[in-house]
Amino acid sequence: MVGDRIDNDIIPANKIGMTTVWIKQGFGSYAEPKTVEEQPDYIVNNLAEITELFR
């Protein structure tokens, strides 16, 4: 799951066992993961950085 919101993207994906990528952009960039279920597997600052995860 690739998303920019912890509450709407990362938490639900973590609950079903998906690998998660949090794009820190927009209003979501001000959030900070506080619990294990809020913690993404990867954090990027923009969509272009996701390509680095696949090299």
PDB file of N, CA and C in Angstrom:
ATOM      1  N   MET A   1       0.844  -1.176   0.000  1.00  0.00           N
ATOM      2  CA  MET A   1       0.000   0.000   0.000  1.00  0.00           C
ATOM      3  C   MET A   1       0.884   1.230   0.000  1.00  0.00           C
ATOM      4  N   VAL A   2       0.610   2.132  -0.894  1.00  0.00           N
ATOM      5  CA  VAL A   2       1.299   3.417  -0.925  1.00  0.00           C
ATOM      6  C   VAL A   2       0.262   4.475  -0.588  1.00  0.00           C
ATOM      7  N   GLY A   3       0.558   5.292   0.427  1.00  0.00           N
ATOM      8  CA  GLY A   3      -0.401   6.310   0.809  1.00  0.00           C
ATOM      9  C   GLY A   3       0.251   7.472   1.518  1.00  0.00           C
ATOM     10  N   ASP A   4      -0.503   8.556   1.622  1.00  0.00           N
ATOM     11  CA  ASP A   4       0.032   9.760   2.264  1.00  0.00           C
ATOM     12  C   ASP A   4      -0.614  10.049   3.613  1.00  0.00           C
ATOM     13  N   ARG A   5      -1.511   9.170   4.057  1.00  0.00           N
ATOM     14  CA  ARG A   5      -2.157   9.362   5.364  1.00  0.00           C
ATOM     15  C   ARG A   5      -1.971   8.128   6.228  1.00  0.00           C
ATOM     16  N   ILE A   6      -1.528   8.353   7.446  1.00  0.00           N
ATOM     17  CA  ILE A   6      -1.338   7.237   8.371  1.00  0.00           C
ATOM     18  C   ILE A   6      -2.688   6.629   8.733  1.00  0.00           C
ATOM     19  N   ASP A   7      -3.673   7.483   9.061  1.00  0.00           N
ATOM     20  CA  ASP A   7      -4.962   6.981   9.534  1.00  0.00           C
ATOM     21  C   ASP A   7      -5.777   6.270   8.462  1.00  0.00           C
ATOM     22  N   ASN A   8      -5.717   6.760   7.259  1.00  0.00           N
ATOM     23  CA  ASN A   8      -6.562   6.234   6.198  1.00  0.00           C
ATOM     24  C   ASN A   8      -5.867   5.205   5.317  1.00  0.00           C
ATOM     25  N   ASP A   9      -4.558   5.206   5.267  1.00  0.00           N
ATOM     26  CA  ASP A   9      -3.812   4.324   4.368  1.00  0.00           C
ATOM     27  C   ASP A   9      -2.949   3.304   5.114  1.00  0.00           C
ATOM     28  N   ILE A  10      -2.084   3.792   5.990  1.00  0.00           N
ATOM     29  CA  ILE A  10      -1.078   2.934   6.617  1.00  0.00           C
ATOM     30  C   ILE A  10      -1.695   1.986   7.651  1.00  0.00           C
ATOM     31  N   ILE A  11      -2.505   2.500   8.566  1.00  0.00           N
ATOM     32  CA  ILE A  11      -3.085   1.643   9.617  1.00  0.00           C
ATOM     33  C   ILE A  11      -3.922   0.505   9.029  1.00  0.00           C
ATOM     34  N   PRO A  12      -4.882   0.787   8.141  1.00  0.00           N
ATOM     35  CA  PRO A  12      -5.671  -0.326   7.595  1.00  0.00           C
ATOM     36  C   PRO A  12      -4.818  -1.356   6.841  1.00  0.00           C
ATOM     37  N   ALA A  13      -3.831  -0.884   6.086  1.00  0.00           N
ATOM     38  CA  ALA A  13      -2.976  -1.812   5.340  1.00  0.00           C
ATOM     39  C   ALA A  13      -2.132  -2.661   6.281  1.00  0.00           C
ATOM     40  N   ASN A  14      -1.614  -2.058   7.339  1.00  0.00           N
ATOM     41  CA  ASN A  14      -0.850  -2.822   8.323  1.00  0.00           C
ATOM     42  C   ASN A  14      -1.718  -3.884   8.987  1.00  0.00           C
ATOM     43  N   LYS A  15      -2.974  -3.567   9.254  1.00  0.00           N
ATOM     44  CA  LYS A  15      -3.875  -4.509   9.920  1.00  0.00           C
ATOM     45  C   LYS A  15      -4.118  -5.770   9.108  1.00  0.00           C
ATOM     46  N   ILE A  16      -4.027  -5.661   7.779  1.00  0.00           N
ATOM     47  CA  ILE A  16      -4.238  -6.860   6.962  1.00  0.00           C
ATOM     48  C   ILE A  16      -2.925  -7.439   6.431  1.00  0.00           C
ATOM     49  N   GLY A  17      -1.811  -6.924   6.943  1.00  0.00           N
ATOM     50  CA  GLY A  17      -0.517  -7.511   6.630  1.00  0.00           C
ATOM     51  C   GLY A  17       0.161  -7.038   5.356  1.00  0.00           C
ATOM     52  N   MET A  18      -0.287  -5.932   4.801  1.00  0.00           N
ATOM     53  CA  MET A  18       0.348  -5.413   3.583  1.00  0.00           C
ATOM     54  C   MET A  18       1.647  -4.693   3.923  1.00  0.00           C
ATOM     55  N   THR A  19       2.570  -4.663   2.986  1.00  0.00           N
ATOM     56  CA  THR A  19       3.753  -3.821   3.090  1.00  0.00           C
ATOM     57  C   THR A  19       3.303  -2.397   2.810  1.00  0.00           C
ATOM     58  N   THR A  20       3.795  -1.444   3.616  1.00  0.00           N
ATOM     59  CA  THR A  20       3.309  -0.074   3.490  1.00  0.00           C
ATOM     60  C   THR A  20       4.427   0.913   3.185  1.00  0.00           C
ATOM     61  N   VAL A  21       4.081   1.903   2.359  1.00  0.00           N
ATOM     62  CA  VAL A  21       4.974   3.008   2.025  1.00  0.00           C
ATOM     63  C   VAL A  21       4.206   4.291   2.298  1.00  0.00           C
ATOM     64  N   TRP A  22       4.754   5.106   3.187  1.00  0.00           N
ATOM     65  CA  TRP A  22       4.122   6.389   3.528  1.00  0.00           C
ATOM     66  C   TRP A  22       4.837   7.491   2.774  1.00  0.00           C
ATOM     67  N   ILE A  23       4.080   8.223   1.949  1.00  0.00           N
ATOM     68  CA  ILE A  23       4.619   9.384   1.251  1.00  0.00           C
ATOM     69  C   ILE A  23       4.340  10.592   2.130  1.00  0.00           C
ATOM     70  N   LYS A  24       5.383  11.201   2.673  1.00  0.00           N
ATOM     71  CA  LYS A  24       5.205  12.357   3.563  1.00  0.00           C
ATOM     72  C   LYS A  24       5.002  13.608   2.716  1.00  0.00           C
ATOM     73  N   GLN A  25       3.732  13.875   2.393  1.00  0.00           N
ATOM     74  CA  GLN A  25       3.399  15.060   1.615  1.00  0.00           C
ATOM     75  C   GLN A  25       2.052  15.587   2.071  1.00  0.00           C
ATOM     76  N   GLY A  26       1.752  16.812   1.751  1.00  0.00           N
ATOM     77  CA  GLY A  26       0.484  17.414   2.139  1.00  0.00           C
ATOM     78  C   GLY A  26       0.319  17.490   3.648  1.00  0.00           C
ATOM     79  N   PHE A  27      -0.939  17.501   4.093  1.00  0.00           N
ATOM     80  CA  PHE A  27      -1.211  17.590   5.526  1.00  0.00           C
ATOM     81  C   PHE A  27      -0.699  16.368   6.277  1.00  0.00           C
ATOM     82  N   GLY A  28      -0.657  15.228   5.613  1.00  0.00           N
ATOM     83  CA  GLY A  28      -0.173  14.005   6.247  1.00  0.00           C
ATOM     84  C   GLY A  28       1.288  14.066   6.649  1.00  0.00           C
ATOM     85  N   SER A  29       2.033  14.972   6.080  1.00  0.00           N
ATOM     86  CA  SER A  29       3.465  15.067   6.387  1.00  0.00           C
ATOM     87  C   SER A  29       3.714  15.571   7.805  1.00  0.00           C
ATOM     88  N   TYR A  30       2.702  16.167   8.429  1.00  0.00           N
ATOM     89  CA  TYR A  30       2.862  16.670   9.786  1.00  0.00           C
ATOM     90  C   TYR A  30       2.639  15.593  10.847  1.00  0.00           C
ATOM     91  N   ALA A  31       2.114  14.457  10.439  1.00  0.00           N
ATOM     92  CA  ALA A  31       1.847  13.363  11.374  1.00  0.00           C
ATOM     93  C   ALA A  31       3.144  12.640  11.715  1.00  0.00           C
ATOM     94  N   GLU A  32       3.139  11.974  12.840  1.00  0.00           N
ATOM     95  CA  GLU A  32       4.262  11.133  13.243  1.00  0.00           C
ATOM     96  C   GLU A  32       3.694   9.813  13.759  1.00  0.00           C
ATOM     97  N   PRO A  33       4.199   8.688  13.266  1.00  0.00           N
ATOM     98  CA  PRO A  33       3.720   7.401  13.767  1.00  0.00           C
ATOM     99  C   PRO A  33       3.991   7.279  15.269  1.00  0.00           C
ATOM    100  N   LYS A  34       2.965   6.900  16.032  1.00  0.00           N
ATOM    101  CA  LYS A  34       3.101   6.806  17.485  1.00  0.00           C
ATOM    102  C   LYS A  34       3.002   5.376  17.998  1.00  0.00           C
ATOM    103  N   THR A  35       2.365   4.508  17.235  1.00  0.00           N
ATOM    104  CA  THR A  35       2.200   3.120  17.654  1.00  0.00           C
ATOM    105  C   THR A  35       2.750   2.196  16.576  1.00  0.00           C
ATOM    106  N   VAL A  36       2.852   0.929  16.897  1.00  0.00           N
ATOM    107  CA  VAL A  36       3.346  -0.055  15.929  1.00  0.00           C
ATOM    108  C   VAL A  36       2.430  -0.119  14.716  1.00  0.00           C
ATOM    109  N   GLU A  37       1.125  -0.051  14.920  1.00  0.00           N
ATOM    110  CA  GLU A  37       0.208  -0.151  13.781  1.00  0.00           C
ATOM    111  C   GLU A  37       0.259   1.085  12.882  1.00  0.00           C
ATOM    112  N   GLU A  38       0.781   2.192  13.377  1.00  0.00           N
ATOM    113  CA  GLU A  38       0.939   3.404  12.568  1.00  0.00           C
ATOM    114  C   GLU A  38       2.264   3.443  11.826  1.00  0.00           C
ATOM    115  N   GLN A  39       3.178   2.561  12.137  1.00  0.00           N
ATOM    116  CA  GLN A  39       4.525   2.589  11.569  1.00  0.00           C
ATOM    117  C   GLN A  39       4.550   1.955  10.180  1.00  0.00           C
ATOM    118  N   PRO A  40       4.886   2.721   9.149  1.00  0.00           N
ATOM    119  CA  PRO A  40       4.990   2.142   7.806  1.00  0.00           C
ATOM    120  C   PRO A  40       6.298   1.360   7.660  1.00  0.00           C
ATOM    121  N   ASP A  41       6.329   0.488   6.664  1.00  0.00           N
ATOM    122  CA  ASP A  41       7.561  -0.255   6.383  1.00  0.00           C
ATOM    123  C   ASP A  41       8.617   0.653   5.771  1.00  0.00           C
ATOM    124  N   TYR A  42       8.173   1.602   4.954  1.00  0.00           N
ATOM    125  CA  TYR A  42       9.078   2.538   4.298  1.00  0.00           C
ATOM    126  C   TYR A  42       8.479   3.939   4.356  1.00  0.00           C
ATOM    127  N   ILE A  43       9.346   4.944   4.399  1.00  0.00           N
ATOM    128  CA  ILE A  43       8.918   6.341   4.365  1.00  0.00           C
ATOM    129  C   ILE A  43       9.677   7.040   3.241  1.00  0.00           C
ATOM    130  N   VAL A  44       8.941   7.730   2.374  1.00  0.00           N
ATOM    131  CA  VAL A  44       9.551   8.519   1.304  1.00  0.00           C
ATOM    132  C   VAL A  44       8.985   9.936   1.375  1.00  0.00           C
ATOM    133  N   ASN A  45       9.701  10.870   0.812  1.00  0.00           N
ATOM    134  CA  ASN A  45       9.261  12.264   0.824  1.00  0.00           C
ATOM    135  C   ASN A  45       8.453  12.662  -0.398  1.00  0.00           C
ATOM    136  N   ASN A  46       8.564  11.878  -1.468  1.00  0.00           N
ATOM    137  CA  ASN A  46       7.779  12.160  -2.662  1.00  0.00           C
ATOM    138  C   ASN A  46       7.672  10.883  -3.496  1.00  0.00           C
ATOM    139  N   LEU A  47       6.786  10.910  -4.460  1.00  0.00           N
ATOM    140  CA  LEU A  47       6.504   9.732  -5.268  1.00  0.00           C
ATOM    141  C   LEU A  47       7.733   9.243  -6.037  1.00  0.00           C
ATOM    142  N   ALA A  48       8.588  10.145  -6.459  1.00  0.00           N
ATOM    143  CA  ALA A  48       9.780   9.762  -7.218  1.00  0.00           C
ATOM    144  C   ALA A  48      10.722   8.878  -6.405  1.00  0.00           C
ATOM    145  N   GLU A  49      10.740   9.049  -5.080  1.00  0.00           N
ATOM    146  CA  GLU A  49      11.630   8.251  -4.232  1.00  0.00           C
ATOM    147  C   GLU A  49      11.216   6.778  -4.146  1.00  0.00           C
ATOM    148  N   ILE A  50       9.985   6.478  -4.507  1.00  0.00           N
ATOM    149  CA  ILE A  50       9.536   5.084  -4.437  1.00  0.00           C
ATOM    150  C   ILE A  50      10.336   4.196  -5.381  1.00  0.00           C
ATOM    151  N   THR A  51      10.793   4.741  -6.484  1.00  0.00           N
ATOM    152  CA  THR A  51      11.563   3.936  -7.434  1.00  0.00           C
ATOM    153  C   THR A  51      12.839   3.375  -6.792  1.00  0.00           C
ATOM    154  N   GLU A  52      13.371   4.081  -5.798  1.00  0.00           N
ATOM    155  CA  GLU A  52      14.577   3.610  -5.118  1.00  0.00           C
ATOM    156  C   GLU A  52      14.315   2.320  -4.322  1.00  0.00           C
ATOM    157  N   LEU A  53      13.073   2.096  -3.925  1.00  0.00           N
ATOM    158  CA  LEU A  53      12.746   0.900  -3.162  1.00  0.00           C
ATOM    159  C   LEU A  53      12.785  -0.373  -4.012  1.00  0.00           C
ATOM    160  N   PHE A  54      12.712  -0.218  -5.320  1.00  0.00           N
ATOM    161  CA  PHE A  54      12.657  -1.356  -6.226  1.00  0.00           C
ATOM    162  C   PHE A  54      13.963  -1.655  -6.941  1.00  0.00           C
ATOM    163  N   ARG A  55      15.038  -1.047  -6.519  1.00  0.00           N
ATOM    164  CA  ARG A  55      16.328  -1.296  -7.163  1.00  0.00           C
ATOM    165  C   ARG A  55      17.059  -2.402  -6.480  1.00  0.00           C
TER     166      ARG A  55
END
